[in-house]
C-alpha atoms as a PDB file:
ATOM      1  CA  MET A   1      38.657  99.614 -11.561  1.00  0.00           C
ATOM      2  CA  THR A   2      35.308  97.589 -13.361  1.00  0.00           C
ATOM      3  CA  ASP A   3      35.447  93.982 -13.527  1.00  0.00           C
ATOM      4  CA  LYS A   4      35.737  92.545 -17.071  1.00  0.00           C
ATOM      5  CA  ARG A   5      32.724  90.744 -18.267  1.00  0.00           C
ATOM      6  CA  GLN A   6      32.643  87.379 -20.125  1.00  0.00           C
ATOM      7  CA  LEU A   7      31.088  87.224 -23.376  1.00  0.00           C
ATOM      8  CA  GLU A   8      31.174  84.900 -26.348  1.00  0.00           C
ATOM      9  CA  LEU A   9      31.377  85.955 -29.991  1.00  0.00           C
ATOM     10  CA  TYR A  10      29.954  84.142 -32.710  1.00  0.00           C
ATOM     11  CA  LEU A  11      30.367  84.784 -36.354  1.00  0.00           C
ATOM     12  CA  LEU A  12      27.964  84.258 -38.774  1.00  0.00           C
ATOM     13  CA  ARG A  13      28.964  83.065 -42.210  1.00  0.00           C
ATOM     14  CA  PHE A  14      27.354  82.709 -45.341  1.00  0.00           C
ATOM     15  CA  LEU A  15      28.396  79.653 -47.454  1.00  0.00           C
ATOM     16  CA  PRO A  16      27.490  79.907 -51.513  1.00  0.00           C
ATOM     17  CA  HIS A  17      28.592  76.389 -51.934  1.00  0.00           C
ATOM     18  CA  PRO A  18      28.152  74.044 -48.835  1.00  0.00           C
ATOM     19  CA  LEU A  19      30.483  71.446 -50.078  1.00  0.00           C
ATOM     20  CA  ARG A  20      33.496  73.819 -50.543  1.00  0.00           C
ATOM     21  CA  GLU A  21      35.232  75.626 -47.804  1.00  0.00           C
ATOM     22  CA  ASP A  22      34.734  79.497 -49.050  1.00  0.00           C
ATOM     23  CA  PHE A  23      32.689  81.610 -47.041  1.00  0.00           C
ATOM     24  CA  VAL A  24      31.814  85.381 -46.322  1.00  0.00           C
ATOM     25  CA  THR A  25      31.526  86.560 -42.604  1.00  0.00           C
ATOM     26  CA  ILE A  26      28.300  88.657 -42.832  1.00  0.00           C
ATOM     27  CA  GLY A  27      27.109  88.980 -39.171  1.00  0.00           C
ATOM     28  CA  LEU A  28      28.287  88.318 -35.615  1.00  0.00           C
ATOM     29  CA  ALA A  29      26.814  87.591 -32.507  1.00  0.00           C
ATOM     30  CA  LEU A  30      27.936  88.806 -28.830  1.00  0.00           C
ATOM     31  CA  LEU A  31      26.435  87.081 -26.178  1.00  0.00           C
ATOM     32  CA  GLU A  32      26.705  87.198 -22.349  1.00  0.00           C
ATOM     33  CA  SER A  33      25.956  83.745 -20.664  1.00  0.00           C
ATOM     34  CA  ASP A  34      23.660  85.305 -17.763  1.00  0.00           C
ATOM     35  CA  GLY A  35      21.880  87.010 -20.515  1.00  0.00           C
ATOM     36  CA  GLY A  36      23.096  90.428 -19.180  1.00  0.00           C
ATOM     37  CA  PHE A  37      24.330  91.437 -22.846  1.00  0.00           C
ATOM     38  CA  ALA A  38      22.966  90.195 -26.520  1.00  0.00           C
ATOM     39  CA  GLU A  39      23.465  91.674 -29.735  1.00  0.00           C
ATOM     40  CA  VAL A  40      23.657  90.899 -33.272  1.00  0.00           C
ATOM     41  CA  ARG A  41      24.965  92.755 -36.015  1.00  0.00           C
ATOM     42  CA  PHE A  42      24.966  92.189 -39.848  1.00  0.00           C
ATOM     43  CA  THR A  43      27.051  93.849 -42.557  1.00  0.00           C
ATOM     44  CA  ARG A  44      25.469  96.547 -44.614  1.00  0.00           C
ATOM     45  CA  ASP A  45      28.045  96.065 -47.574  1.00  0.00           C
ATOM     46  CA  LEU A  46      26.792  93.539 -50.142  1.00  0.00           C
ATOM     47  CA  ARG A  47      29.870  93.922 -52.287  1.00  0.00           C
ATOM     48  CA  MET A  48      31.926  91.310 -50.862  1.00  0.00           C
ATOM     49  CA  LEU A  49      28.788  88.518 -50.920  1.00  0.00           C
ATOM     50  CA  GLN A  50      27.926  89.185 -54.355  1.00  0.00           C
ATOM     51  CA  CYS A  51      31.399  88.293 -55.280  1.00  0.00           C
ATOM     52  CA  VAL A  52      30.716  84.633 -54.656  1.00  0.00           C
ATOM     53  CA  ALA A  53      26.826  84.783 -54.669  1.00  0.00           C
ATOM     54  CA  PRO A  54      25.458  87.781 -57.058  1.00  0.00           C
ATOM     55  CA  ASP A  55      22.079  87.139 -56.830  1.00  0.00           C
ATOM     56  CA  VAL A  56      21.908  87.811 -53.032  1.00  0.00           C
ATOM     57  CA  GLU A  57      19.861  90.912 -52.327  1.00  0.00           C
ATOM     58  CA  LEU A  58      19.887  93.052 -49.574  1.00  0.00           C
ATOM     59  CA  GLU A  59      16.219  92.296 -48.393  1.00  0.00           C
ATOM     60  CA  TRP A  60      16.950  88.652 -47.689  1.00  0.00           C
ATOM     61  CA  LEU A  61      20.159  89.979 -45.581  1.00  0.00           C
ATOM     62  CA  GLN A  62      17.841  92.008 -43.645  1.00  0.00           C
ATOM     63  CA  MET A  63      15.002  89.107 -43.460  1.00  0.00           C
ATOM     64  CA  VAL A  64      18.018  87.031 -41.955  1.00  0.00           C
ATOM     65  CA  GLU A  65      19.090  89.756 -39.441  1.00  0.00           C
ATOM     66  CA  ASN A  66      15.678  90.415 -38.222  1.00  0.00           C
ATOM     67  CA  GLU A  67      14.793  86.736 -37.616  1.00  0.00           C
ATOM     68  CA  ILE A  68      18.008  86.102 -35.937  1.00  0.00           C
ATOM     69  CA  ARG A  69      17.716  89.370 -33.530  1.00  0.00           C
ATOM     70  CA  GLY A  70      14.404  88.195 -32.597  1.00  0.00           C
ATOM     71  CA  GLN A  71      15.849  85.180 -31.201  1.00  0.00           C
ATOM     72  CA  MET A  72      18.487  86.914 -29.263  1.00  0.00           C
ATOM     73  CA  GLY A  73      16.949  86.761 -26.037  1.00  0.00           C
ATOM     74  CA  LYS A  74      16.090  83.289 -26.226  1.00  0.00           C
ATOM     75  CA  LEU A  75      19.834  82.083 -26.993  1.00  0.00           C
ATOM     76  CA  LYS A  76      22.522  81.560 -24.668  1.00  0.00           C
ATOM     77  CA  ARG A  77      24.756  78.960 -26.150  1.00  0.00           C
ATOM     78  CA  ARG A  78      26.247  78.585 -29.422  1.00  0.00           C
ATOM     79  CA  GLU A  79      24.382  75.120 -29.768  1.00  0.00           C
ATOM     80  CA  GLU A  80      21.161  76.755 -29.633  1.00  0.00           C
ATOM     81  CA  LEU A  81      22.230  79.437 -32.154  1.00  0.00           C
ATOM     82  CA  ALA A  82      23.646  76.997 -34.510  1.00  0.00           C
ATOM     83  CA  GLN A  83      20.450  74.791 -34.243  1.00  0.00           C
ATOM     84  CA  PHE A  84      18.034  77.853 -34.988  1.00  0.00           C
ATOM     85  CA  VAL A  85      20.507  78.824 -37.817  1.00  0.00           C
ATOM     86  CA  ASN A  86      20.264  75.484 -39.217  1.00  0.00           C
ATOM     87  CA  GLU A  87      16.771  74.943 -38.945  1.00  0.00           C
ATOM     88  CA  ARG A  88      15.593  78.168 -40.651  1.00  0.00           C
ATOM     89  CA  PHE A  89      18.306  78.722 -43.199  1.00  0.00           C
ATOM     90  CA  GLY A  90      19.750  75.415 -43.877  1.00  0.00           C
ATOM     91  CA  THR A  91      22.990  75.157 -45.370  1.00  0.00           C
ATOM     92  CA  LEU A  92      23.400  78.915 -46.395  1.00  0.00           C
ATOM     93  CA  LEU A  93      24.501  79.893 -43.171  1.00  0.00           C
ATOM     94  CA  GLU A  94      26.836  78.450 -40.440  1.00  0.00           C
ATOM     95  CA  VAL A  95      27.928  79.797 -37.053  1.00  0.00           C
ATOM     96  CA  ALA A  96      31.879  79.390 -36.482  1.00  0.00           C
ATOM     97  CA  PRO A  97      33.437  78.324 -33.667  1.00  0.00           C
ATOM     98  CA  THR A  98      33.149  80.291 -30.453  1.00  0.00           C
ATOM     99  CA  LYS A  99      35.759  83.164 -29.622  1.00  0.00           C
ATOM    100  CA  ALA A 100      35.912  84.192 -26.032  1.00  0.00           C
ATOM    101  CA  VAL A 101      35.539  88.125 -25.162  1.00  0.00           C
ATOM    102  CA  LEU A 102      36.607  90.192 -21.828  1.00  0.00           C
ATOM    103  CA  THR A 103      35.627  93.348 -21.816  1.00  0.00           C
ATOM    104  CA  GLU A 104      34.244  96.169 -19.293  1.00  0.00           C
ATOM    105  CA  ASP A 105      32.164  97.554 -22.033  1.00  0.00           C
ATOM    106  CA  PRO A 106      29.950  95.005 -24.207  1.00  0.00           C
ATOM    107  CA  ALA A 107      28.375  97.708 -26.420  1.00  0.00           C
ATOM    108  CA  LYS A 108      31.792  99.529 -27.290  1.00  0.00           C
ATOM    109  CA  GLU A 109      33.353  96.084 -27.992  1.00  0.00           C
ATOM    110  CA  MET A 110      30.703  95.228 -30.341  1.00  0.00           C
ATOM    111  CA  GLU A 111      31.786  98.289 -32.446  1.00  0.00           C
ATOM    112  CA  VAL A 112      35.179  97.203 -32.191  1.00  0.00           C
ATOM    113  CA  LEU A 113      34.221  93.813 -33.394  1.00  0.00           C
ATOM    114  CA  ALA A 114      31.973  94.840 -36.014  1.00  0.00           C
ATOM    115  CA  GLY A 115      34.606  97.036 -37.415  1.00  0.00           C
ATOM    116  CA  MET A 116      36.935  94.011 -37.575  1.00  0.00           C
ATOM    117  CA  TYR A 117      34.951  91.270 -39.076  1.00  0.00           C
ATOM    118  CA  LEU A 118      32.210  93.639 -41.132  1.00  0.00           C
ATOM    119  CA  VAL A 119      34.266  96.187 -42.606  1.00  0.00           C
ATOM    120  CA  PRO A 120      33.430  96.931 -46.344  1.00  0.00           C
ATOM    121  CA  LEU A 121      35.654  95.334 -48.851  1.00  0.00           C
ATOM    122  CA  ALA A 122      39.057  97.123 -50.029  1.00  0.00           C
ATOM    123  CA  ARG A 123      38.868 100.281 -48.885  1.00  0.00           C
ATOM    124  CA  GLY A 124      40.212 102.637 -51.320  1.00  0.00           C
ATOM    125  CA  GLY A 125      40.460  99.784 -53.796  1.00  0.00           C
ATOM    126  CA  ARG A 126      38.486  98.639 -56.790  1.00  0.00           C
ATOM    127  CA  LEU A 127      35.366  96.874 -56.188  1.00  0.00           C
ATOM    128  CA  GLN A 128      33.953  94.314 -58.311  1.00  0.00           C
ATOM    129  CA  GLU A 129      31.033  95.710 -60.245  1.00  0.00           C
ATOM    130  CA  ARG A 130      27.540  94.494 -59.212  1.00  0.00           C
ATOM    131  CA  ALA A 131      26.734  91.477 -61.498  1.00  0.00           C
ATOM    132  CA  GLY A 132      24.326  88.337 -61.891  1.00  0.00           C
ATOM    133  CA  ARG A 133      20.737  88.711 -61.175  1.00  0.00           C
ATOM    134  CA  GLY A 134      21.615  92.026 -59.238  1.00  0.00           C
ATOM    135  CA  ALA A 135      22.839  93.774 -62.360  1.00  0.00           C
ATOM    136  CA  ILE A 136      19.877  92.433 -64.384  1.00  0.00           C
ATOM    137  CA  VAL A 137      17.429  93.813 -61.819  1.00  0.00           C
ATOM    138  CA  ASP A 138      19.066  97.408 -62.091  1.00  0.00           C
ATOM    139  CA  SER A 139      18.882  97.563 -65.518  1.00  0.00           C
ATOM    140  CA  MET A 140      15.096  96.636 -65.651  1.00  0.00           C
ATOM    141  CA  ARG A 141      14.275  99.314 -63.056  1.00  0.00           C
ATOM    142  CA  LEU A 142      16.000 101.802 -64.767  1.00  0.00           C
ATOM    143  CA  ALA A 143      14.545 100.943 -67.813  1.00  0.00           C
ATOM    144  CA  PHE A 144      11.315 101.371 -66.473  1.00  0.00           C
ATOM    145  CA  GLU A 145      11.887 104.383 -64.655  1.00  0.00           C
ATOM    146  CA  ASN A 146      13.136 106.088 -68.043  1.00  0.00           C
ATOM    147  CA  ALA A 147       9.796 104.855 -69.764  1.00  0.00           C
ATOM    148  CA  GLY A 148       7.945 106.749 -66.696  1.00  0.00           C
ATOM    149  CA  VAL A 149       6.275 103.359 -65.551  1.00  0.00           C
ATOM    150  CA  LEU A 150       7.965 102.180 -62.521  1.00  0.00           C
ATOM    151  CA  GLU A 151       5.681 103.848 -60.087  1.00  0.00           C
ATOM    152  CA  LEU A 152       2.833 102.329 -61.842  1.00  0.00           C
ATOM    153  CA  MET A 153       4.000  98.671 -61.592  1.00  0.00           C
ATOM    154  CA  GLN A 154       4.243  96.538 -58.283  1.00  0.00           C
ATOM    155  CA  ARG A 155       7.413  95.665 -57.112  1.00  0.00           C
ATOM    156  CA  ASN A 156       8.371  92.405 -54.932  1.00  0.00           C
ATOM    157  CA  LEU A 157       5.361  90.709 -55.607  1.00  0.00           C
ATOM    158  CA  ASP A 158       4.248  87.996 -52.827  1.00  0.00           C
ATOM    159  CA  VAL A 159       3.351  84.987 -54.605  1.00  0.00           C
ATOM    160  CA  VAL A 160       3.186  82.962 -51.230  1.00  0.00           C
ATOM    161  CA  GLN A 161      -0.430  82.343 -51.661  1.00  0.00           C
ATOM    162  CA  TYR A 162       0.399  80.065 -54.639  1.00  0.00           C
ATOM    163  CA  THR A 163       4.069  78.820 -54.079  1.00  0.00           C
ATOM    164  CA  GLY A 164       3.584  77.643 -50.371  1.00  0.00           C
ATOM    165  CA  MET A 165       3.703  79.486 -46.932  1.00  0.00           C
ATOM    166  CA  GLY A 166       7.337  80.091 -46.075  1.00  0.00           C
ATOM    167  CA  ASP A 167       8.683  80.639 -49.686  1.00  0.00           C
ATOM    168  CA  PRO A 168      10.712  84.099 -49.652  1.00  0.00           C
ATOM    169  CA  PHE A 169      10.347  84.241 -53.402  1.00  0.00           C
ATOM    170  CA  ARG A 170       9.128  87.607 -54.735  1.00  0.00           C
ATOM    171  CA  ILE A 171       8.118  88.754 -58.274  1.00  0.00           C
ATOM    172  CA  ASP A 172      10.624  91.800 -59.538  1.00  0.00           C
ATOM    173  CA  PHE A 173       7.953  93.704 -61.187  1.00  0.00           C
ATOM    174  CA  GLY A 174       4.344  93.295 -62.306  1.00  0.00           C
ATOM    175  CA  TYR A 175       1.048  95.118 -63.152  1.00  0.00           C
ATOM    176  CA  ARG A 176      -2.341  93.903 -63.767  1.00  0.00           C
ATOM    177  CA  ILE A 177      -4.365  94.863 -66.618  1.00  0.00           C
ATOM    178  CA  GLY A 178      -8.097  93.600 -66.282  1.00  0.00           C
ATOM    179  CA  THR A 179      -7.699  90.019 -65.694  1.00  0.00           C
ATOM    180  CA  GLU A 180      -4.452  89.918 -66.940  1.00  0.00           C
ATOM    181  CA  VAL A 181      -1.359  89.828 -64.311  1.00  0.00           C
ATOM    182  CA  LYS A 182       2.059  90.408 -66.217  1.00  0.00           C
ATOM    183  CA  MET A 183       5.170  89.646 -64.240  1.00  0.00           C
ATOM    184  CA  PHE A 184       8.710  90.458 -64.953  1.00  0.00           C
ATOM    185  CA  GLN A 185      11.580  88.482 -63.268  1.00  0.00           C
ATOM    186  CA  ALA A 186      15.511  89.148 -63.693  1.00  0.00           C
ATOM    187  CA  VAL A 187      17.325  85.858 -64.044  1.00  0.00           C
ATOM    188  CA  SER A 188      21.149  85.217 -64.302  1.00  0.00           C
ATOM    189  CA  VAL A 189      21.539  82.444 -66.443  1.00  0.00           C
ATOM    190  CA  VAL A 190      25.258  82.632 -66.497  1.00  0.00           C
ATOM    191  CA  THR A 191      26.005  82.493 -62.626  1.00  0.00           C
ATOM    192  CA  ASN A 192      23.409  80.422 -61.306  1.00  0.00           C
ATOM    193  CA  VAL A 193      21.315  77.894 -63.842  1.00  0.00           C
ATOM    194  CA  ASP A 194      19.100  76.735 -60.731  1.00  0.00           C
ATOM    195  CA  GLN A 195      17.697  80.241 -60.749  1.00  0.00           C
ATOM    196  CA  ALA A 196      15.991  79.565 -63.963  1.00  0.00           C
ATOM    197  CA  LEU A 197      14.872  75.932 -63.210  1.00  0.00           C
ATOM    198  CA  ALA A 198      13.404  77.291 -59.657  1.00  0.00           C
ATOM    199  CA  LEU A 199      11.606  79.890 -61.748  1.00  0.00           C
ATOM    200  CA  GLY A 200      10.197  77.715 -63.976  1.00  0.00           C
ATOM    201  CA  TYR A 201       8.835  75.519 -61.495  1.00  0.00           C
ATOM    202  CA  ARG A 202       7.372  78.321 -59.654  1.00  0.00           C
ATOM    203  CA  PHE A 203       5.493  79.667 -62.507  1.00  0.00           C
ATOM    204  CA  SER A 204       3.689  76.313 -62.955  1.00  0.00           C
ATOM    205  CA  GLN A 205       2.115  77.031 -59.528  1.00  0.00           C
ATOM    206  CA  ILE A 206       1.649  80.674 -59.896  1.00  0.00           C
ATOM    207  CA  ASP A 207      -0.212  80.064 -63.153  1.00  0.00           C
ATOM    208  CA  ALA A 208      -2.532  77.394 -62.151  1.00  0.00           C
ATOM    209  CA  GLY A 209      -3.026  79.260 -58.791  1.00  0.00           C
ATOM    210  CA  MET A 210      -4.284  82.349 -60.688  1.00  0.00           C
ATOM    211  CA  ARG A 211      -6.615  80.717 -63.131  1.00  0.00           C
ATOM    212  CA  ARG A 212      -8.328  79.335 -60.053  1.00  0.00           C
ATOM    213  CA  GLU A 213      -8.983  82.857 -59.472  1.00  0.00           C
ATOM    214  CA  GLN A 214     -10.093  83.587 -63.096  1.00  0.00           C
ATOM    215  CA  LEU A 215      -6.842  85.268 -63.697  1.00  0.00           C
ATOM    216  CA  GLN A 216      -4.333  84.835 -66.726  1.00  0.00           C
ATOM    217  CA  ALA A 217      -0.772  85.220 -65.804  1.00  0.00           C
ATOM    218  CA  SER A 218       2.274  85.846 -67.741  1.00  0.00           C
ATOM    219  CA  LEU A 219       5.789  86.009 -66.907  1.00  0.00           C
ATOM    220  CA  THR A 220       8.856  87.290 -68.830  1.00  0.00           C
ATOM    221  CA  ALA A 221      12.429  86.186 -67.715  1.00  0.00           C
ATOM    222  CA  VAL A 222      14.821  88.650 -68.383  1.00  0.00           C
ATOM    223  CA  VAL A 223      18.413  87.335 -68.826  1.00  0.00           C
ATOM    224  CA  GLU A 224      21.690  88.463 -69.629  1.00  0.00           C
ATOM    225  CA  HIS A 225      22.787  89.424 -73.260  1.00  0.00           C
ATOM    226  CA  GLU A 226      22.585  87.352 -76.564  1.00  0.00           C
ATOM    227  CA  MET A 227      26.296  86.005 -75.876  1.00  0.00           C
ATOM    228  CA  ALA A 228      25.208  83.832 -72.607  1.00  0.00           C
ATOM    229  CA  ALA A 229      22.711  81.922 -74.731  1.00  0.00           C
ATOM    230  CA  ARG A 230      25.918  80.380 -76.596  1.00  0.00           C
ATOM    231  CA  ASP A 231      26.866  78.236 -73.382  1.00  0.00           C
ATOM    232  CA  GLU A 232      25.339  74.826 -73.555  1.00  0.00           C
ATOM    233  CA  ARG A 233      24.251  75.112 -69.772  1.00  0.00           C
ATOM    234  CA  THR A 234      22.587  78.326 -70.313  1.00  0.00           C
ATOM    235  CA  ARG A 235      20.607  77.192 -73.500  1.00  0.00           C
ATOM    236  CA  PHE A 236      19.189  74.484 -71.311  1.00  0.00           C
ATOM    237  CA  ALA A 237      18.265  76.714 -68.692  1.00  0.00           C
ATOM    238  CA  ILE A 238      16.318  79.062 -71.302  1.00  0.00           C
ATOM    239  CA  ALA A 239      14.870  76.052 -72.813  1.00  0.00           C
ATOM    240  CA  MET A 240      13.603  75.019 -69.495  1.00  0.00           C
ATOM    241  CA  LEU A 241      12.016  78.368 -68.742  1.00  0.00           C
ATOM    242  CA  GLU A 242      10.435  78.306 -72.075  1.00  0.00           C
ATOM    243  CA  GLN A 243       8.982  74.547 -71.516  1.00  0.00           C
ATOM    244  CA  ASN A 244       7.108  76.270 -68.635  1.00  0.00           C
ATOM    245  CA  SER A 245       5.531  79.053 -70.548  1.00  0.00           C
ATOM    246  CA  VAL A 246       7.804  81.727 -69.473  1.00  0.00           C
ATOM    247  CA  ARG A 247       9.059  83.852 -71.768  1.00  0.00           C
ATOM    248  CA  VAL A 248      12.802  84.749 -72.357  1.00  0.00           C
ATOM    249  CA  ARG A 249      14.107  88.226 -73.171  1.00  0.00           C
ATOM    250  CA  THR A 250      17.589  90.084 -72.791  1.00  0.00           C
ATOM    251  CA  VAL A 251      18.648  92.813 -70.970  1.00  0.00           C
ATOM    252  CA  GLY A 252      19.160  94.403 -74.152  1.00  0.00           C
ATOM    253  CA  ASP A 253      15.528  94.279 -74.963  1.00  0.00           C
ATOM    254  CA  MET A 254      14.559  96.167 -72.007  1.00  0.00           C
ATOM    255  CA  ALA A 255      13.869  99.490 -73.638  1.00  0.00           C
ATOM    256  CA  ALA A 256      11.522  97.769 -75.814  1.00  0.00           C
ATOM    257  CA  ILE A 257       9.694  95.915 -73.059  1.00  0.00           C
ATOM    258  CA  ALA A 258       9.566  99.013 -71.037  1.00  0.00           C
ATOM    259  CA  SER A 259       7.722 100.997 -74.051  1.00  0.00           C
ATOM    260  CA  GLU A 260       5.414  98.005 -74.405  1.00  0.00           C
ATOM    261  CA  VAL A 261       4.517  98.432 -70.628  1.00  0.00           C
ATOM    262  CA  ARG A 262       3.867 102.442 -71.098  1.00  0.00           C
ATOM    263  CA  ARG A 263       1.606 101.830 -73.953  1.00  0.00           C
ATOM    264  CA  GLU A 264      -0.518  99.528 -71.903  1.00  0.00           C
ATOM    265  CA  LEU A 265      -0.538 101.340 -68.617  1.00  0.00           C
ATOM    266  CA  ARG A 266      -0.948 104.734 -69.944  1.00  0.00           C
ATOM    267  CA  ALA A 267      -3.697 103.738 -72.822  1.00  0.00           C
END
């Protein structure tokens, strides 16, 4: 009979609001103290996560998984994993208390644990629709695709040279005409006002940086429908964007925006 091996299970939790106790388990790590087995697994189903954080995207989740996976060979104890997670991701992630695992086959046990902790939300049940920033991005993508310009545009533009090393922020869509760089970013002023404030600050840096390169930058923030602007908080967020020279349009304007882009790119 094969001897059972002793491992430690660490659940990786996403905390949308650090001061509250709600969380979503997005990954797990299974480690053997002597380094014989080390594996990490993350969910591929964003629906549960987007119920509490609608603006979270798959690219961010994959980045987190890749960074933690790259450290697996160096981490032997929960304290080391917790320290790395805290230093790299701050209050967004936490490592839950350790659970002991005895098994003859760690690889098979990992599959069982992934099924227990990372199972998609409510199999057979009704799932919450994609909402917030993700829904706006989907609408923008569809409008540009219908206008026949999606493949002519740049997507997920890296602006780290203007905003600072280590900034994971990306511009959703953009294109260049001569010395003009026109960009479009989905912003949910309903689910998270901070998105608008952060975008306004970042655009001031992007604009200044591009001016030094003799480029003229313009940024359009695409927000929810007009109904959202009636709320005091969202009016404040929109005002802050406009004060930072960011144009604000709604999802309902996307067909017209896409037509404008088509006239310029196909001129």
